[in-house]
């Protein structure tokens, strides 16, 4: 969903989906968010030991987007996060650049 805040700045509102995995081992929760519009794609994924862990990642992504610091996302993880969750993200960080037509 795209939201106009009224001050000329348009923000993307990330809707994360949280689901419980059937993994009896370490990471039992998943958080996913993907945004796609013409010429633009971003995806964020995390698996964690608890629902609170993956919600923490979702909150961090939202904070980084709000403050314009998504490029620093990997630097902003809290201490010890790698023991509690695994994260990945990617996509087009610069909407003014065009994606190749065969990219998915």
PDB file of N, CA and C in Angstrom:
ATOM      1  N   UNK A   1       0.842  -1.164   0.000  1.00  0.00           N
ATOM      2  CA  UNK A   1       0.000   0.000   0.000  1.00  0.00           C
ATOM      3  C   UNK A   1       0.893   1.235   0.000  1.00  0.00           C
ATOM      4  N   UNK A   2       0.535   2.214  -0.782  1.00  0.00           N
ATOM      5  CA  UNK A   2       1.286   3.460  -0.835  1.00  0.00           C
ATOM      6  C   UNK A   2       0.469   4.524  -0.117  1.00  0.00           C
ATOM      7  N   UNK A   3       1.111   5.242   0.777  1.00  0.00           N
ATOM      8  CA  UNK A   3       0.420   6.241   1.584  1.00  0.00           C
ATOM      9  C   UNK A   3       1.065   7.601   1.360  1.00  0.00           C
ATOM     10  N   UNK A   4       0.259   8.603   1.037  1.00  0.00           N
ATOM     11  CA  UNK A   4       0.736   9.979   0.926  1.00  0.00           C
ATOM     12  C   UNK A   4       0.517  10.631   2.289  1.00  0.00           C
ATOM     13  N   UNK A   5       1.589  11.070   2.926  1.00  0.00           N
ATOM     14  CA  UNK A   5       1.491  11.640   4.265  1.00  0.00           C
ATOM     15  C   UNK A   5       0.960  13.060   4.251  1.00  0.00           C
ATOM     16  N   UNK A   6       0.739  13.639   3.081  1.00  0.00           N
ATOM     17  CA  UNK A   6       0.218  14.987   3.010  1.00  0.00           C
ATOM     18  C   UNK A   6       1.283  16.060   2.911  1.00  0.00           C
ATOM     19  N   UNK A   7       2.548  15.686   3.113  1.00  0.00           N
ATOM     20  CA  UNK A   7       3.625  16.672   3.033  1.00  0.00           C
ATOM     21  C   UNK A   7       4.465  16.479   1.773  1.00  0.00           C
ATOM     22  N   UNK A   8       3.890  15.764   0.794  1.00  0.00           N
ATOM     23  CA  UNK A   8       4.596  15.534  -0.459  1.00  0.00           C
ATOM     24  C   UNK A   8       5.503  14.320  -0.437  1.00  0.00           C
ATOM     25  N   UNK A   9       5.628  13.662   0.706  1.00  0.00           N
ATOM     26  CA  UNK A   9       6.464  12.472   0.815  1.00  0.00           C
ATOM     27  C   UNK A   9       5.569  11.248   0.759  1.00  0.00           C
ATOM     28  N   UNK A  10       5.870  10.366  -0.159  1.00  0.00           N
ATOM     29  CA  UNK A  10       5.087   9.143  -0.296  1.00  0.00           C
ATOM     30  C   UNK A  10       5.901   8.007   0.302  1.00  0.00           C
ATOM     31  N   UNK A  11       5.299   7.276   1.236  1.00  0.00           N
ATOM     32  CA  UNK A  11       5.967   6.150   1.888  1.00  0.00           C
ATOM     33  C   UNK A  11       5.300   4.858   1.490  1.00  0.00           C
ATOM     34  N   UNK A  12       6.063   3.811   1.442  1.00  0.00           N
ATOM     35  CA  UNK A  12       5.509   2.479   1.257  1.00  0.00           C
ATOM     36  C   UNK A  12       5.245   1.907   2.646  1.00  0.00           C
ATOM     37  N   UNK A  13       4.059   1.410   2.862  1.00  0.00           N
ATOM     38  CA  UNK A  13       3.724   0.807   4.148  1.00  0.00           C
ATOM     39  C   UNK A  13       3.890  -0.696   4.001  1.00  0.00           C
ATOM     40  N   UNK A  14       4.825  -1.237   4.723  1.00  0.00           N
ATOM     41  CA  UNK A  14       5.132  -2.648   4.636  1.00  0.00           C
ATOM     42  C   UNK A  14       4.140  -3.472   5.427  1.00  0.00           C
ATOM     43  N   UNK A  15       3.567  -4.436   4.788  1.00  0.00           N
ATOM     44  CA  UNK A  15       2.695  -5.384   5.469  1.00  0.00           C
ATOM     45  C   UNK A  15       3.468  -6.693   5.614  1.00  0.00           C
ATOM     46  N   UNK A  16       3.961  -6.967   6.782  1.00  0.00           N
ATOM     47  CA  UNK A  16       4.674  -8.216   7.019  1.00  0.00           C
ATOM     48  C   UNK A  16       3.668  -9.322   7.305  1.00  0.00           C
ATOM     49  N   UNK A  17       3.954 -10.495   6.793  1.00  0.00           N
ATOM     50  CA  UNK A  17       3.159 -11.682   7.091  1.00  0.00           C
ATOM     51  C   UNK A  17       3.992 -12.549   8.032  1.00  0.00           C
ATOM     52  N   UNK A  18       3.385 -12.934   9.130  1.00  0.00           N
ATOM     53  CA  UNK A  18       4.067 -13.768  10.116  1.00  0.00           C
ATOM     54  C   UNK A  18       3.414 -15.143  10.106  1.00  0.00           C
ATOM     55  N   UNK A  19       4.246 -16.191  10.068  1.00  0.00           N
ATOM     56  CA  UNK A  19       3.668 -17.533  10.127  1.00  0.00           C
ATOM     57  C   UNK A  19       4.594 -18.463  10.887  1.00  0.00           C
ATOM     58  N   UNK A  20       3.962 -19.443  11.508  1.00  0.00           N
ATOM     59  CA  UNK A  20       4.713 -20.450  12.264  1.00  0.00           C
ATOM     60  C   UNK A  20       5.128 -21.564  11.326  1.00  0.00           C
ATOM     61  N   UNK A  21       6.401 -21.958  11.398  1.00  0.00           N
ATOM     62  CA  UNK A  21       6.934 -23.045  10.580  1.00  0.00           C
ATOM     63  C   UNK A  21       6.717 -24.368  11.299  1.00  0.00           C
ATOM     64  N   UNK A  22       6.795 -25.439  10.573  1.00  0.00           N
ATOM     65  CA  UNK A  22       6.691 -26.776  11.171  1.00  0.00           C
ATOM     66  C   UNK A  22       8.056 -27.317  11.577  1.00  0.00           C
ATOM     67  N   UNK A  23       9.056 -26.471  11.525  1.00  0.00           N
ATOM     68  CA  UNK A  23      10.415 -26.867  11.884  1.00  0.00           C
ATOM     69  C   UNK A  23      10.501 -27.088  13.387  1.00  0.00           C
ATOM     70  N   UNK A  24      10.804 -28.311  13.786  1.00  0.00           N
ATOM     71  CA  UNK A  24      10.923 -28.624  15.210  1.00  0.00           C
ATOM     72  C   UNK A  24      12.274 -28.164  15.763  1.00  0.00           C
ATOM     73  N   UNK A  25      13.181 -27.812  14.876  1.00  0.00           N
ATOM     74  CA  UNK A  25      14.513 -27.393  15.289  1.00  0.00           C
ATOM     75  C   UNK A  25      14.557 -25.947  15.730  1.00  0.00           C
ATOM     76  N   UNK A  26      15.444 -25.190  15.133  1.00  0.00           N
ATOM     77  CA  UNK A  26      15.730 -23.849  15.594  1.00  0.00           C
ATOM     78  C   UNK A  26      14.742 -22.759  15.259  1.00  0.00           C
ATOM     79  N   UNK A  27      14.507 -22.518  13.991  1.00  0.00           N
ATOM     80  CA  UNK A  27      13.761 -21.337  13.596  1.00  0.00           C
ATOM     81  C   UNK A  27      12.313 -21.689  13.295  1.00  0.00           C
ATOM     82  N   UNK A  28      11.407 -21.311  14.188  1.00  0.00           N
ATOM     83  CA  UNK A  28      10.008 -21.721  14.081  1.00  0.00           C
ATOM     84  C   UNK A  28       9.093 -20.633  13.547  1.00  0.00           C
ATOM     85  N   UNK A  29       9.604 -19.428  13.300  1.00  0.00           N
ATOM     86  CA  UNK A  29       8.748 -18.330  12.820  1.00  0.00           C
ATOM     87  C   UNK A  29       9.353 -17.670  11.592  1.00  0.00           C
ATOM     88  N   UNK A  30       8.492 -17.230  10.685  1.00  0.00           N
ATOM     89  CA  UNK A  30       8.906 -16.549   9.466  1.00  0.00           C
ATOM     90  C   UNK A  30       8.178 -15.216   9.353  1.00  0.00           C
ATOM     91  N   UNK A  31       8.896 -14.202   8.903  1.00  0.00           N
ATOM     92  CA  UNK A  31       8.298 -12.903   8.570  1.00  0.00           C
ATOM     93  C   UNK A  31       8.689 -12.592   7.134  1.00  0.00           C
ATOM     94  N   UNK A  32       7.699 -12.181   6.327  1.00  0.00           N
ATOM     95  CA  UNK A  32       7.971 -11.861   4.929  1.00  0.00           C
ATOM     96  C   UNK A  32       7.242 -10.588   4.537  1.00  0.00           C
ATOM     97  N   UNK A  33       7.892  -9.813   3.702  1.00  0.00           N
ATOM     98  CA  UNK A  33       7.264  -8.631   3.129  1.00  0.00           C
ATOM     99  C   UNK A  33       7.868  -8.411   1.761  1.00  0.00           C
ATOM    100  N   UNK A  34       7.016  -8.244   0.767  1.00  0.00           N
ATOM    101  CA  UNK A  34       7.479  -7.945  -0.583  1.00  0.00           C
ATOM    102  C   UNK A  34       6.664  -6.786  -1.125  1.00  0.00           C
ATOM    103  N   UNK A  35       7.340  -5.884  -1.791  1.00  0.00           N
ATOM    104  CA  UNK A  35       6.694  -4.737  -2.413  1.00  0.00           C
ATOM    105  C   UNK A  35       7.088  -4.750  -3.875  1.00  0.00           C
ATOM    106  N   UNK A  36       6.106  -4.657  -4.733  1.00  0.00           N
ATOM    107  CA  UNK A  36       6.406  -4.613  -6.159  1.00  0.00           C
ATOM    108  C   UNK A  36       5.465  -3.637  -6.827  1.00  0.00           C
ATOM    109  N   UNK A  37       6.027  -2.800  -7.641  1.00  0.00           N
ATOM    110  CA  UNK A  37       5.264  -1.895  -8.490  1.00  0.00           C
ATOM    111  C   UNK A  37       6.101  -1.698  -9.744  1.00  0.00           C
ATOM    112  N   UNK A  38       5.582  -1.126 -10.792  1.00  0.00           N
ATOM    113  CA  UNK A  38       6.361  -0.995 -12.034  1.00  0.00           C
ATOM    114  C   UNK A  38       7.725  -0.341 -11.791  1.00  0.00           C
ATOM    115  N   UNK A  39       8.777  -1.057 -12.137  1.00  0.00           N
ATOM    116  CA  UNK A  39      10.135  -0.541 -11.990  1.00  0.00           C
ATOM    117  C   UNK A  39      10.703  -0.598 -10.594  1.00  0.00           C
ATOM    118  N   UNK A  40      10.042  -1.297  -9.673  1.00  0.00           N
ATOM    119  CA  UNK A  40      10.474  -1.274  -8.281  1.00  0.00           C
ATOM    120  C   UNK A  40      10.123  -2.584  -7.596  1.00  0.00           C
ATOM    121  N   UNK A  41      11.075  -3.156  -6.855  1.00  0.00           N
ATOM    122  CA  UNK A  41      10.824  -4.357  -6.067  1.00  0.00           C
ATOM    123  C   UNK A  41      11.711  -4.320  -4.831  1.00  0.00           C
ATOM    124  N   UNK A  42      11.136  -4.699  -3.686  1.00  0.00           N
ATOM    125  CA  UNK A  42      11.909  -4.926  -2.466  1.00  0.00           C
ATOM    126  C   UNK A  42      11.306  -6.104  -1.732  1.00  0.00           C
ATOM    127  N   UNK A  43      12.163  -6.956  -1.201  1.00  0.00           N
ATOM    128  CA  UNK A  43      11.694  -8.087  -0.414  1.00  0.00           C
ATOM    129  C   UNK A  43      12.510  -8.222   0.852  1.00  0.00           C
ATOM    130  N   UNK A  44      11.828  -8.542   1.938  1.00  0.00           N
ATOM    131  CA  UNK A  44      12.466  -8.732   3.243  1.00  0.00           C
ATOM    132  C   UNK A  44      11.965 -10.041   3.824  1.00  0.00           C
ATOM    133  N   UNK A  45      12.883 -10.871   4.311  1.00  0.00           N
ATOM    134  CA  UNK A  45      12.514 -12.168   4.874  1.00  0.00           C
ATOM    135  C   UNK A  45      13.348 -12.423   6.127  1.00  0.00           C
ATOM    136  N   UNK A  46      12.727 -13.035   7.111  1.00  0.00           N
ATOM    137  CA  UNK A  46      13.440 -13.409   8.335  1.00  0.00           C
ATOM    138  C   UNK A  46      12.855 -14.701   8.874  1.00  0.00           C
ATOM    139  N   UNK A  47      13.703 -15.539   9.419  1.00  0.00           N
ATOM    140  CA  UNK A  47      13.259 -16.691  10.196  1.00  0.00           C
ATOM    141  C   UNK A  47      13.865 -16.531  11.581  1.00  0.00           C
ATOM    142  N   UNK A  48      13.069 -16.836  12.602  1.00  0.00           N
ATOM    143  CA  UNK A  48      13.545 -16.641  13.964  1.00  0.00           C
ATOM    144  C   UNK A  48      13.038 -17.709  14.906  1.00  0.00           C
ATOM    145  N   UNK A  49      13.622 -17.722  16.078  1.00  0.00           N
ATOM    146  CA  UNK A  49      13.234 -18.709  17.085  1.00  0.00           C
ATOM    147  C   UNK A  49      11.880 -18.395  17.699  1.00  0.00           C
ATOM    148  N   UNK A  50      11.547 -17.113  17.820  1.00  0.00           N
ATOM    149  CA  UNK A  50      10.266 -16.744  18.423  1.00  0.00           C
ATOM    150  C   UNK A  50       9.562 -15.712  17.533  1.00  0.00           C
ATOM    151  N   UNK A  51       8.272 -15.563  17.759  1.00  0.00           N
ATOM    152  CA  UNK A  51       7.511 -14.550  17.047  1.00  0.00           C
ATOM    153  C   UNK A  51       8.060 -13.161  17.361  1.00  0.00           C
ATOM    154  N   UNK A  52       8.469 -12.940  18.592  1.00  0.00           N
ATOM    155  CA  UNK A  52       9.035 -11.640  18.984  1.00  0.00           C
ATOM    156  C   UNK A  52      10.302 -11.324  18.176  1.00  0.00           C
ATOM    157  N   UNK A  53      11.105 -12.342  17.875  1.00  0.00           N
ATOM    158  CA  UNK A  53      12.326 -12.120  17.092  1.00  0.00           C
ATOM    159  C   UNK A  53      12.007 -11.590  15.702  1.00  0.00           C
ATOM    160  N   UNK A  54      11.081 -12.236  14.999  1.00  0.00           N
ATOM    161  CA  UNK A  54      10.785 -11.801  13.634  1.00  0.00           C
ATOM    162  C   UNK A  54      10.009 -10.488  13.628  1.00  0.00           C
ATOM    163  N   UNK A  55       9.214 -10.230  14.667  1.00  0.00           N
ATOM    164  CA  UNK A  55       8.539  -8.935  14.766  1.00  0.00           C
ATOM    165  C   UNK A  55       9.555  -7.819  15.005  1.00  0.00           C
ATOM    166  N   UNK A  56      10.623  -8.128  15.721  1.00  0.00           N
ATOM    167  CA  UNK A  56      11.693  -7.152  15.947  1.00  0.00           C
ATOM    168  C   UNK A  56      12.353  -6.773  14.616  1.00  0.00           C
ATOM    169  N   UNK A  57      12.574  -7.761  13.751  1.00  0.00           N
ATOM    170  CA  UNK A  57      13.141  -7.488  12.432  1.00  0.00           C
ATOM    171  C   UNK A  57      12.188  -6.611  11.612  1.00  0.00           C
ATOM    172  N   UNK A  58      10.905  -6.939  11.632  1.00  0.00           N
ATOM    173  CA  UNK A  58       9.909  -6.150  10.891  1.00  0.00           C
ATOM    174  C   UNK A  58       9.906  -4.699  11.374  1.00  0.00           C
ATOM    175  N   UNK A  59       9.977  -4.506  12.677  1.00  0.00           N
ATOM    176  CA  UNK A  59       9.999  -3.151  13.234  1.00  0.00           C
ATOM    177  C   UNK A  59      11.263  -2.403  12.800  1.00  0.00           C
ATOM    178  N   UNK A  60      12.387  -3.111  12.743  1.00  0.00           N
ATOM    179  CA  UNK A  60      13.642  -2.494  12.319  1.00  0.00           C
ATOM    180  C   UNK A  60      13.566  -2.068  10.853  1.00  0.00           C
ATOM    181  N   UNK A  61      12.975  -2.911  10.005  1.00  0.00           N
ATOM    182  CA  UNK A  61      12.816  -2.555   8.588  1.00  0.00           C
ATOM    183  C   UNK A  61      11.942  -1.317   8.456  1.00  0.00           C
ATOM    184  N   UNK A  62      10.837  -1.285   9.175  1.00  0.00           N
ATOM    185  CA  UNK A  62       9.939  -0.116   9.116  1.00  0.00           C
ATOM    186  C   UNK A  62      10.663   1.158   9.589  1.00  0.00           C
ATOM    187  N   UNK A  63      11.438   1.033  10.664  1.00  0.00           N
ATOM    188  CA  UNK A  63      12.189   2.180  11.180  1.00  0.00           C
ATOM    189  C   UNK A  63      13.196   2.679  10.142  1.00  0.00           C
ATOM    190  N   UNK A  64      13.926   1.746   9.531  1.00  0.00           N
ATOM    191  CA  UNK A  64      14.927   2.132   8.532  1.00  0.00           C
ATOM    192  C   UNK A  64      14.271   2.806   7.337  1.00  0.00           C
ATOM    193  N   UNK A  65      13.107   2.329   6.941  1.00  0.00           N
ATOM    194  CA  UNK A  65      12.419   2.964   5.823  1.00  0.00           C
ATOM    195  C   UNK A  65      11.973   4.379   6.201  1.00  0.00           C
ATOM    196  N   UNK A  66      11.397   4.504   7.384  1.00  0.00           N
ATOM    197  CA  UNK A  66      10.904   5.817   7.846  1.00  0.00           C
ATOM    198  C   UNK A  66      12.020   6.857   7.916  1.00  0.00           C
ATOM    199  N   UNK A  67      13.207   6.413   8.322  1.00  0.00           N
ATOM    200  CA  UNK A  67      14.322   7.340   8.504  1.00  0.00           C
ATOM    201  C   UNK A  67      15.220   7.434   7.274  1.00  0.00           C
ATOM    202  N   UNK A  68      14.874   6.700   6.216  1.00  0.00           N
ATOM    203  CA  UNK A  68      15.669   6.754   4.984  1.00  0.00           C
ATOM    204  C   UNK A  68      17.017   6.076   5.103  1.00  0.00           C
ATOM    205  N   UNK A  69      17.120   5.060   5.942  1.00  0.00           N
ATOM    206  CA  UNK A  69      18.416   4.412   6.158  1.00  0.00           C
ATOM    207  C   UNK A  69      18.382   2.918   5.871  1.00  0.00           C
ATOM    208  N   UNK A  70      17.594   2.489   4.877  1.00  0.00           N
ATOM    209  CA  UNK A  70      17.528   1.059   4.546  1.00  0.00           C
ATOM    210  C   UNK A  70      18.891   0.498   4.151  1.00  0.00           C
ATOM    211  N   UNK A  71      19.743   1.325   3.551  1.00  0.00           N
ATOM    212  CA  UNK A  71      21.061   0.833   3.151  1.00  0.00           C
ATOM    213  C   UNK A  71      21.916   0.464   4.358  1.00  0.00           C
ATOM    214  N   UNK A  72      21.531   0.891   5.555  1.00  0.00           N
ATOM    215  CA  UNK A  72      22.274   0.583   6.782  1.00  0.00           C
ATOM    216  C   UNK A  72      21.613  -0.518   7.604  1.00  0.00           C
ATOM    217  N   UNK A  73      20.628  -1.190   7.038  1.00  0.00           N
ATOM    218  CA  UNK A  73      19.862  -2.197   7.775  1.00  0.00           C
ATOM    219  C   UNK A  73      20.766  -3.246   8.424  1.00  0.00           C
ATOM    220  N   UNK A  74      21.756  -3.734   7.698  1.00  0.00           N
ATOM    221  CA  UNK A  74      22.620  -4.785   8.257  1.00  0.00           C
ATOM    222  C   UNK A  74      23.456  -4.289   9.427  1.00  0.00           C
ATOM    223  N   UNK A  75      23.715  -2.990   9.495  1.00  0.00           N
ATOM    224  CA  UNK A  75      24.502  -2.427  10.598  1.00  0.00           C
ATOM    225  C   UNK A  75      23.658  -2.203  11.843  1.00  0.00           C
ATOM    226  N   UNK A  76      22.346  -2.219  11.693  1.00  0.00           N
ATOM    227  CA  UNK A  76      21.472  -1.815  12.789  1.00  0.00           C
ATOM    228  C   UNK A  76      20.847  -2.980  13.555  1.00  0.00           C
ATOM    229  N   UNK A  77      21.219  -4.208  13.214  1.00  0.00           N
ATOM    230  CA  UNK A  77      20.694  -5.349  13.961  1.00  0.00           C
ATOM    231  C   UNK A  77      21.167  -5.273  15.412  1.00  0.00           C
ATOM    232  N   UNK A  78      20.323  -5.668  16.355  1.00  0.00           N
ATOM    233  CA  UNK A  78      20.725  -5.643  17.767  1.00  0.00           C
ATOM    234  C   UNK A  78      21.770  -6.717  18.063  1.00  0.00           C
ATOM    235  N   UNK A  79      22.524  -6.554  19.140  1.00  0.00           N
ATOM    236  CA  UNK A  79      23.552  -7.541  19.509  1.00  0.00           C
ATOM    237  C   UNK A  79      22.939  -8.935  19.692  1.00  0.00           C
ATOM    238  N   UNK A  80      23.634  -9.927  19.189  1.00  0.00           N
ATOM    239  CA  UNK A  80      23.207 -11.313  19.364  1.00  0.00           C
ATOM    240  C   UNK A  80      22.096 -11.770  18.438  1.00  0.00           C
ATOM    241  N   UNK A  81      21.707 -10.935  17.479  1.00  0.00           N
ATOM    242  CA  UNK A  81      20.576 -11.295  16.620  1.00  0.00           C
ATOM    243  C   UNK A  81      20.863 -12.529  15.787  1.00  0.00           C
ATOM    244  N   UNK A  82      22.126 -12.758  15.406  1.00  0.00           N
ATOM    245  CA  UNK A  82      22.438 -13.895  14.542  1.00  0.00           C
ATOM    246  C   UNK A  82      22.195 -15.244  15.232  1.00  0.00           C
ATOM    247  N   UNK A  83      22.103 -15.254  16.552  1.00  0.00           N
ATOM    248  CA  UNK A  83      21.775 -16.489  17.276  1.00  0.00           C
ATOM    249  C   UNK A  83      20.267 -16.717  17.320  1.00  0.00           C
ATOM    250  N   UNK A  84      19.499 -15.642  17.131  1.00  0.00           N
ATOM    251  CA  UNK A  84      18.044 -15.724  17.251  1.00  0.00           C
ATOM    252  C   UNK A  84      17.319 -15.772  15.915  1.00  0.00           C
ATOM    253  N   UNK A  85      17.955 -15.262  14.847  1.00  0.00           N
ATOM    254  CA  UNK A  85      17.263 -15.224  13.565  1.00  0.00           C
ATOM    255  C   UNK A  85      18.241 -15.124  12.403  1.00  0.00           C
ATOM    256  N   UNK A  86      17.721 -15.437  11.214  1.00  0.00           N
ATOM    257  CA  UNK A  86      18.462 -15.260   9.972  1.00  0.00           C
ATOM    258  C   UNK A  86      17.619 -14.363   9.087  1.00  0.00           C
ATOM    259  N   UNK A  87      18.261 -13.413   8.424  1.00  0.00           N
ATOM    260  CA  UNK A  87      17.519 -12.448   7.622  1.00  0.00           C
ATOM    261  C   UNK A  87      18.112 -12.343   6.233  1.00  0.00           C
ATOM    262  N   UNK A  88      17.278 -11.945   5.291  1.00  0.00           N
ATOM    263  CA  UNK A  88      17.741 -11.657   3.938  1.00  0.00           C
ATOM    264  C   UNK A  88      16.829 -10.601   3.335  1.00  0.00           C
ATOM    265  N   UNK A  89      17.371  -9.782   2.487  1.00  0.00           N
ATOM    266  CA  UNK A  89      16.576  -8.772   1.800  1.00  0.00           C
ATOM    267  C   UNK A  89      17.255  -8.442   0.492  1.00  0.00           C
ATOM    268  N   UNK A  90      16.482  -7.913  -0.406  1.00  0.00           N
ATOM    269  CA  UNK A  90      17.044  -7.548  -1.696  1.00  0.00           C
ATOM    270  C   UNK A  90      16.023  -6.813  -2.529  1.00  0.00           C
ATOM    271  N   UNK A  91      16.452  -6.453  -3.694  1.00  0.00           N
ATOM    272  CA  UNK A  91      15.557  -5.766  -4.603  1.00  0.00           C
ATOM    273  C   UNK A  91      16.188  -4.511  -5.158  1.00  0.00           C
ATOM    274  N   UNK A  92      15.334  -3.667  -5.674  1.00  0.00           N
ATOM    275  CA  UNK A  92      15.748  -2.420  -6.287  1.00  0.00           C
ATOM    276  C   UNK A  92      15.695  -1.322  -5.234  1.00  0.00           C
ATOM    277  N   UNK A  93      16.830  -0.889  -4.740  1.00  0.00           N
ATOM    278  CA  UNK A  93      16.880   0.128  -3.696  1.00  0.00           C
ATOM    279  C   UNK A  93      16.772   1.530  -4.257  1.00  0.00           C
ATOM    280  N   UNK A  94      16.951   1.656  -5.560  1.00  0.00           N
ATOM    281  CA  UNK A  94      16.938   2.964  -6.202  1.00  0.00           C
ATOM    282  C   UNK A  94      15.850   2.987  -7.263  1.00  0.00           C
ATOM    283  N   UNK A  95      14.652   3.458  -6.925  1.00  0.00           N
ATOM    284  CA  UNK A  95      13.517   3.364  -7.835  1.00  0.00           C
ATOM    285  C   UNK A  95      13.700   4.087  -9.161  1.00  0.00           C
ATOM    286  N   UNK A  96      14.638   5.022  -9.255  1.00  0.00           N
ATOM    287  CA  UNK A  96      14.826   5.734 -10.515  1.00  0.00           C
ATOM    288  C   UNK A  96      15.576   4.888 -11.544  1.00  0.00           C
ATOM    289  N   UNK A  97      16.211   3.772 -11.112  1.00  0.00           N
ATOM    290  CA  UNK A  97      16.882   2.877 -12.051  1.00  0.00           C
ATOM    291  C   UNK A  97      15.893   1.827 -12.530  1.00  0.00           C
ATOM    292  N   UNK A  98      15.974   1.485 -13.792  1.00  0.00           N
ATOM    293  CA  UNK A  98      15.041   0.515 -14.366  1.00  0.00           C
ATOM    294  C   UNK A  98      15.584  -0.894 -14.216  1.00  0.00           C
ATOM    295  N   UNK A  99      14.675  -1.801 -13.906  1.00  0.00           N
ATOM    296  CA  UNK A  99      15.005  -3.223 -13.854  1.00  0.00           C
ATOM    297  C   UNK A  99      14.975  -3.776 -15.263  1.00  0.00           C
ATOM    298  N   UNK A 100      15.808  -4.771 -15.527  1.00  0.00           N
ATOM    299  CA  UNK A 100      15.756  -5.381 -16.860  1.00  0.00           C
ATOM    300  C   UNK A 100      14.440  -6.141 -16.998  1.00  0.00           C
ATOM    301  N   UNK A 101      13.858  -6.201 -18.180  1.00  0.00           N
ATOM    302  CA  UNK A 101      12.542  -6.816 -18.366  1.00  0.00           C
ATOM    303  C   UNK A 101      12.496  -8.292 -18.002  1.00  0.00           C
ATOM    304  N   UNK A 102      13.628  -9.006 -18.108  1.00  0.00           N
ATOM    305  CA  UNK A 102      13.603 -10.434 -17.795  1.00  0.00           C
ATOM    306  C   UNK A 102      13.924 -10.713 -16.327  1.00  0.00           C
ATOM    307  N   UNK A 103      14.195  -9.711 -15.522  1.00  0.00           N
ATOM    308  CA  UNK A 103      14.473  -9.908 -14.085  1.00  0.00           C
ATOM    309  C   UNK A 103      13.194 -10.240 -13.342  1.00  0.00           C
ATOM    310  N   UNK A 104      13.293 -11.138 -12.402  1.00  0.00           N
ATOM    311  CA  UNK A 104      12.120 -11.534 -11.595  1.00  0.00           C
ATOM    312  C   UNK A 104      12.441 -11.477 -10.155  1.00  0.00           C
TER     313      UNK A 104
END
